[in-house]
Amino acid sequence: MCGRGIDQVLAHPCRPEIYEDCERSAEGYVLLAEQANGPIPRRNGSSYVWGAALGQLERMQPDARIINLETAVTRSHDRVNKGINYRVSPENAECLAAAKINCCVLANNHVLDWGRAGLLETLTTLQKLNVKATGAGRNDHEARAPAVLNFGKGGS
């Protein structure tokens, strides 16, 4: 999950305001992590979020890399009043390309955290990154459509 504090330590963070009962700035989550683990560098590159997992993915060479994208990819300010709203900046979504993610599942409780504008920006960003999406869409038909991944050699 690359929203909240993770976005803040990447190269192009969103504004840190969050709207939770216990925290008003995503920087607060970074400070908590630093108290437990020591200093965390800022302005990290797109592969930072994966840590050692990125090397493991390269060694394993899975046929597909599918994740639940438990955040919106947006700079929208159209916040839904729900208590916890996750987002990562579209520029920081390059972390998906760094891990060669093929598909993001969007059917989760954070896809609409930043309203329809946030969902549309998420879909547009994924399309620019050539990452398939399923579980949400611009309309009902798109939201219900499966993501089709082509693995070559007769597989799909």
Protein backbone atom coordinates (compact mmCIF):
# COMPACT_ATOMS: atom_id res chain seq x y z
CA MET A 1 0.00 0.00 0.00
CA CYS A 2 1.83 3.06 -1.24
CA GLY A 3 -0.53 5.72 0.13
CA ARG A 4 -0.21 7.85 3.25
CA GLY A 5 3.32 7.85 4.72
CA ILE A 6 4.89 5.90 1.86
CA ASP A 7 3.94 8.59 -0.65
CA GLN A 8 5.67 11.14 1.59
CA VAL A 9 9.09 9.49 1.31
CA LEU A 10 9.00 9.14 -2.48
CA ALA A 11 10.22 11.71 -5.00
CA HIS A 12 6.88 13.43 -5.75
CA PRO A 13 4.57 13.30 -2.70
CA CYS A 14 1.06 14.66 -2.50
CA ARG A 15 0.31 17.29 0.12
CA PRO A 16 0.54 15.48 3.48
CA GLU A 17 -2.88 16.47 4.88
CA ILE A 18 -4.91 13.49 6.04
CA TYR A 19 -8.24 13.47 7.82
CA GLU A 20 -8.03 10.84 10.52
CA ASP A 21 -9.02 11.10 14.17
CA CYS A 22 -5.49 10.27 15.35
CA GLU A 23 -3.39 12.00 12.68
CA ARG A 24 -3.65 15.11 10.48
CA SER A 25 -0.46 14.71 8.45
CA ALA A 26 0.94 11.71 6.61
CA GLU A 27 4.33 12.89 7.85
CA GLY A 28 3.18 11.69 11.28
CA TYR A 29 3.23 8.10 10.01
CA VAL A 30 6.75 8.61 8.69
CA LEU A 31 7.84 9.92 12.08
CA LEU A 32 6.29 6.88 13.82
CA ALA A 33 8.20 4.57 11.49
CA GLU A 34 11.41 6.50 12.13
CA GLN A 35 10.94 6.24 15.89
CA ALA A 36 10.74 2.46 15.53
CA ASN A 37 13.35 1.93 12.81
CA GLY A 38 15.58 4.97 12.53
CA PRO A 39 15.86 7.67 9.86
CA ILE A 40 14.04 7.16 6.57
CA PRO A 41 15.48 8.96 3.56
CA ARG A 42 13.19 11.29 1.61
CA ARG A 43 12.71 11.74 -2.14
CA ASN A 44 13.35 8.06 -2.83
CA GLY A 45 13.15 6.57 -6.30
CA SER A 46 10.28 4.44 -7.56
CA SER A 47 11.78 1.09 -6.55
CA TYR A 48 12.17 2.09 -2.88
CA VAL A 49 8.75 0.84 -1.76
CA TRP A 50 9.50 -2.73 -2.79
CA GLY A 51 12.69 -3.21 -0.77
CA ALA A 52 14.00 -6.77 -0.96
CA ALA A 53 10.78 -7.96 -2.61
CA LEU A 54 11.87 -6.45 -5.92
CA GLY A 55 14.94 -8.71 -6.06
CA GLN A 56 12.81 -11.70 -5.16
CA LEU A 57 10.36 -10.91 -7.97
CA GLU A 58 13.25 -10.70 -10.40
CA ARG A 59 14.58 -14.08 -9.26
CA MET A 60 11.18 -15.78 -9.37
CA GLN A 61 10.07 -14.24 -12.70
CA PRO A 62 6.32 -14.79 -12.13
CA ASP A 63 4.09 -14.97 -15.21
CA ALA A 64 1.97 -12.14 -13.82
CA ARG A 65 2.33 -9.50 -11.18
CA ILE A 66 -1.12 -8.65 -9.86
CA ILE A 67 -1.70 -6.46 -6.83
CA ASN A 68 -4.60 -4.98 -4.91
CA LEU A 69 -3.99 -1.26 -5.30
CA GLU A 70 -5.24 -0.22 -1.86
CA THR A 71 -5.06 3.49 -2.65
CA ALA A 72 -6.16 6.09 -5.16
CA VAL A 73 -3.54 7.48 -7.56
CA THR A 74 -4.47 11.13 -7.56
CA ARG A 75 -3.82 14.66 -6.45
CA SER A 76 -7.57 15.29 -6.25
CA HIS A 77 -8.91 17.27 -3.31
CA ASP A 78 -12.41 15.78 -3.73
CA ARG A 79 -12.11 13.88 -0.44
CA VAL A 80 -14.90 11.59 0.66
CA ASN A 81 -15.59 12.09 4.37
CA LYS A 82 -14.91 8.54 5.59
CA GLY A 83 -12.15 8.84 8.18
CA ILE A 84 -9.26 7.26 6.32
CA ASN A 85 -8.39 8.39 2.80
CA TYR A 86 -5.38 6.94 1.01
CA ARG A 87 -3.67 8.36 -2.05
CA VAL A 88 -0.36 8.32 -3.84
CA SER A 89 0.66 10.95 -6.37
CA PRO A 90 0.45 9.96 -10.03
CA GLU A 91 4.18 10.64 -10.38
CA ASN A 92 4.96 8.22 -7.55
CA ALA A 93 2.84 5.54 -9.24
CA GLU A 94 6.01 4.84 -11.23
CA CYS A 95 6.66 2.39 -8.38
CA LEU A 96 4.22 0.08 -10.18
CA ALA A 97 6.37 0.17 -13.31
CA ALA A 98 9.50 -0.41 -11.22
CA ALA A 99 8.03 -3.74 -10.07
CA LYS A 100 6.66 -4.53 -13.54
CA ILE A 101 3.11 -4.80 -12.21
CA ASN A 102 0.78 -6.17 -14.88
CA CYS A 103 -2.57 -5.59 -13.23
CA CYS A 104 -4.07 -3.65 -10.33
CA VAL A 105 -7.27 -4.80 -8.68
CA LEU A 106 -9.27 -1.71 -7.74
CA ALA A 107 -12.28 -3.37 -6.07
CA ASN A 108 -11.48 -2.22 -2.55
CA ASN A 109 -12.58 0.30 0.05
CA HIS A 110 -10.11 3.04 -0.99
CA VAL A 111 -10.62 3.36 -4.75
CA LEU A 112 -13.15 6.20 -4.26
CA ASP A 113 -11.44 7.93 -1.32
CA TRP A 114 -10.95 11.01 -3.49
CA GLY A 115 -14.23 10.86 -5.38
CA ARG A 116 -14.89 10.23 -9.03
CA ALA A 117 -12.09 12.63 -10.00
CA GLY A 118 -9.63 10.52 -8.01
CA LEU A 119 -10.86 7.31 -9.63
CA LEU A 120 -10.59 8.77 -13.12
CA GLU A 121 -7.05 9.99 -12.43
CA THR A 122 -6.17 6.54 -11.07
CA LEU A 123 -7.46 4.86 -14.24
CA THR A 124 -5.70 7.36 -16.51
CA THR A 125 -2.39 6.95 -14.65
CA LEU A 126 -2.56 3.15 -14.82
CA GLN A 127 -3.30 3.35 -18.54
CA LYS A 128 -0.26 5.62 -19.07
CA LEU A 129 1.87 3.08 -17.18
CA ASN A 130 0.45 0.26 -19.33
CA VAL A 131 -0.93 -1.46 -16.22
CA LYS A 132 -4.30 -3.21 -16.58
CA ALA A 133 -7.03 -2.48 -14.04
CA THR A 134 -10.05 -4.46 -12.94
CA GLY A 135 -12.76 -3.99 -10.33
CA ALA A 136 -13.54 -0.34 -11.11
CA GLY A 137 -13.97 1.72 -14.24
CA ARG A 138 -15.29 4.81 -15.98
CA ASN A 139 -18.67 3.14 -16.35
CA ASP A 140 -20.48 -0.02 -15.25
CA HIS A 141 -19.32 -2.07 -18.24
CA GLU A 142 -15.67 -1.16 -17.69
CA ALA A 143 -15.94 -1.79 -13.93
CA ARG A 144 -17.29 -5.32 -14.49
CA ALA A 145 -14.84 -6.25 -17.23
CA PRO A 146 -12.00 -8.64 -16.44
CA ALA A 147 -8.41 -7.62 -17.02
CA VAL A 148 -7.01 -9.68 -19.88
CA LEU A 149 -3.31 -10.35 -19.62
CA ASN A 150 -1.42 -11.70 -22.62
CA PHE A 151 1.49 -13.93 -21.66
CA GLY A 152 2.42 -14.91 -25.21
CA LYS A 153 3.13 -18.48 -26.26
CA GLY A 154 -0.60 -19.19 -26.50
CA GLY A 155 -1.35 -18.28 -22.90
CA SER A 156 -3.54 -15.45 -21.63
